[in-house]
Amino acid sequence: MARRTVVVSDLSGETIQDAKGAKVRITFDDGRAGSIEMDVTAEEGRAMGAKGRQVARRGRKPKASS
């Protein structure tokens, strides 16, 4: 018998379809407070992100292919 994982939005309680969701991570300046992560729908994520700013990706840039 196969199992299927169903992801539900932490904000609205809606079921999130495959490839239609986002994760929102909140980190606090005080390291002791830890961090919080929420699963949200893509629309909820865009609405929350509209109030923030775009952040560059971290890590090493890929090598140029020759």
C-alpha atoms as a PDB file:
ATOM      1  CA  MET A   1       0.000   0.000   0.000  1.00  0.00           C
ATOM      2  CA  ALA A   2       1.439   3.356  -1.042  1.00  0.00           C
ATOM      3  CA  ARG A   3       1.496   6.369   1.237  1.00  0.00           C
ATOM      4  CA  ARG A   4       1.055   9.937   0.170  1.00  0.00           C
ATOM      5  CA  THR A   5       2.112  12.998   2.130  1.00  0.00           C
ATOM      6  CA  VAL A   6      -0.381  15.855   2.102  1.00  0.00           C
ATOM      7  CA  VAL A   7       1.024  19.317   2.856  1.00  0.00           C
ATOM      8  CA  VAL A   8      -1.360  21.855   4.370  1.00  0.00           C
ATOM      9  CA  SER A   9      -0.818  25.619   4.642  1.00  0.00           C
ATOM     10  CA  ASP A  10      -0.034  26.752   8.183  1.00  0.00           C
ATOM     11  CA  LEU A  11      -1.839  30.046   7.544  1.00  0.00           C
ATOM     12  CA  SER A  12      -5.081  29.141   5.787  1.00  0.00           C
ATOM     13  CA  GLY A  13      -5.353  25.369   6.236  1.00  0.00           C
ATOM     14  CA  GLU A  14      -5.658  24.805   2.455  1.00  0.00           C
ATOM     15  CA  THR A  15      -4.098  21.729   0.882  1.00  0.00           C
ATOM     16  CA  ILE A  16      -0.961  22.679  -1.067  1.00  0.00           C
ATOM     17  CA  GLN A  17      -0.718  21.042  -4.494  1.00  0.00           C
ATOM     18  CA  ASP A  18       2.598  19.652  -5.776  1.00  0.00           C
ATOM     19  CA  ALA A  19       4.965  22.467  -6.902  1.00  0.00           C
ATOM     20  CA  LYS A  20       2.450  25.122  -5.757  1.00  0.00           C
ATOM     21  CA  GLY A  21       3.814  25.817  -2.305  1.00  0.00           C
ATOM     22  CA  ALA A  22       6.526  27.737  -0.501  1.00  0.00           C
ATOM     23  CA  LYS A  23       8.327  27.713   2.837  1.00  0.00           C
ATOM     24  CA  VAL A  24       8.627  30.872   4.912  1.00  0.00           C
ATOM     25  CA  ARG A  25      11.515  30.886   7.383  1.00  0.00           C
ATOM     26  CA  ILE A  26      11.766  33.493  10.117  1.00  0.00           C
ATOM     27  CA  THR A  27      15.098  33.882  11.898  1.00  0.00           C
ATOM     28  CA  PHE A  28      15.560  36.143  14.881  1.00  0.00           C
ATOM     29  CA  ASP A  29      18.576  38.327  15.625  1.00  0.00           C
ATOM     30  CA  ASP A  30      18.681  36.784  19.092  1.00  0.00           C
ATOM     31  CA  GLY A  31      20.249  33.374  18.469  1.00  0.00           C
ATOM     32  CA  ARG A  32      18.524  31.856  21.470  1.00  0.00           C
ATOM     33  CA  ALA A  33      15.088  32.457  19.962  1.00  0.00           C
ATOM     34  CA  GLY A  34      15.798  29.971  17.166  1.00  0.00           C
ATOM     35  CA  SER A  35      13.854  30.098  13.922  1.00  0.00           C
ATOM     36  CA  ILE A  36      10.333  29.369  12.696  1.00  0.00           C
ATOM     37  CA  GLU A  37       9.382  27.719   9.408  1.00  0.00           C
ATOM     38  CA  MET A  38       5.908  27.671   7.842  1.00  0.00           C
ATOM     39  CA  ASP A  39       4.447  25.887   4.826  1.00  0.00           C
ATOM     40  CA  VAL A  40       2.277  28.254   2.759  1.00  0.00           C
ATOM     41  CA  THR A  41       0.659  28.306  -0.664  1.00  0.00           C
ATOM     42  CA  ALA A  42       2.470  30.104  -3.490  1.00  0.00           C
ATOM     43  CA  GLU A  43      -0.041  32.966  -3.391  1.00  0.00           C
ATOM     44  CA  GLU A  44       0.375  33.454   0.363  1.00  0.00           C
ATOM     45  CA  GLY A  45       4.156  33.394  -0.064  1.00  0.00           C
ATOM     46  CA  ARG A  46       4.052  36.039  -2.798  1.00  0.00           C
ATOM     47  CA  ALA A  47       1.778  38.256  -0.672  1.00  0.00           C
ATOM     48  CA  MET A  48       4.174  38.027   2.274  1.00  0.00           C
ATOM     49  CA  GLY A  49       7.230  38.479   0.039  1.00  0.00           C
ATOM     50  CA  ALA A  50       5.805  41.632  -1.528  1.00  0.00           C
ATOM     51  CA  LYS A  51       6.480  43.402   1.778  1.00  0.00           C
ATOM     52  CA  GLY A  52      10.106  42.238   1.899  1.00  0.00           C
ATOM     53  CA  ARG A  53      13.098  42.386  -0.429  1.00  0.00           C
ATOM     54  CA  GLN A  54      14.835  39.985  -2.795  1.00  0.00           C
ATOM     55  CA  VAL A  55      17.926  38.302  -1.351  1.00  0.00           C
ATOM     56  CA  ALA A  56      20.781  36.985  -3.491  1.00  0.00           C
ATOM     57  CA  ARG A  57      21.438  33.264  -3.514  1.00  0.00           C
ATOM     58  CA  ARG A  58      24.207  32.046  -1.257  1.00  0.00           C
ATOM     59  CA  GLY A  59      27.107  29.824  -2.153  1.00  0.00           C
ATOM     60  CA  ARG A  60      29.735  29.525  -4.814  1.00  0.00           C
ATOM     61  CA  LYS A  61      28.953  30.639  -8.358  1.00  0.00           C
ATOM     62  CA  PRO A  62      28.964  27.783 -10.861  1.00  0.00           C
ATOM     63  CA  LYS A  63      32.039  27.346 -13.068  1.00  0.00           C
ATOM     64  CA  ALA A  64      31.802  28.628 -16.618  1.00  0.00           C
ATOM     65  CA  SER A  65      31.519  25.749 -19.052  1.00  0.00           C
ATOM     66  CA  SER A  66      34.090  25.861 -21.828  1.00  0.00           C
END
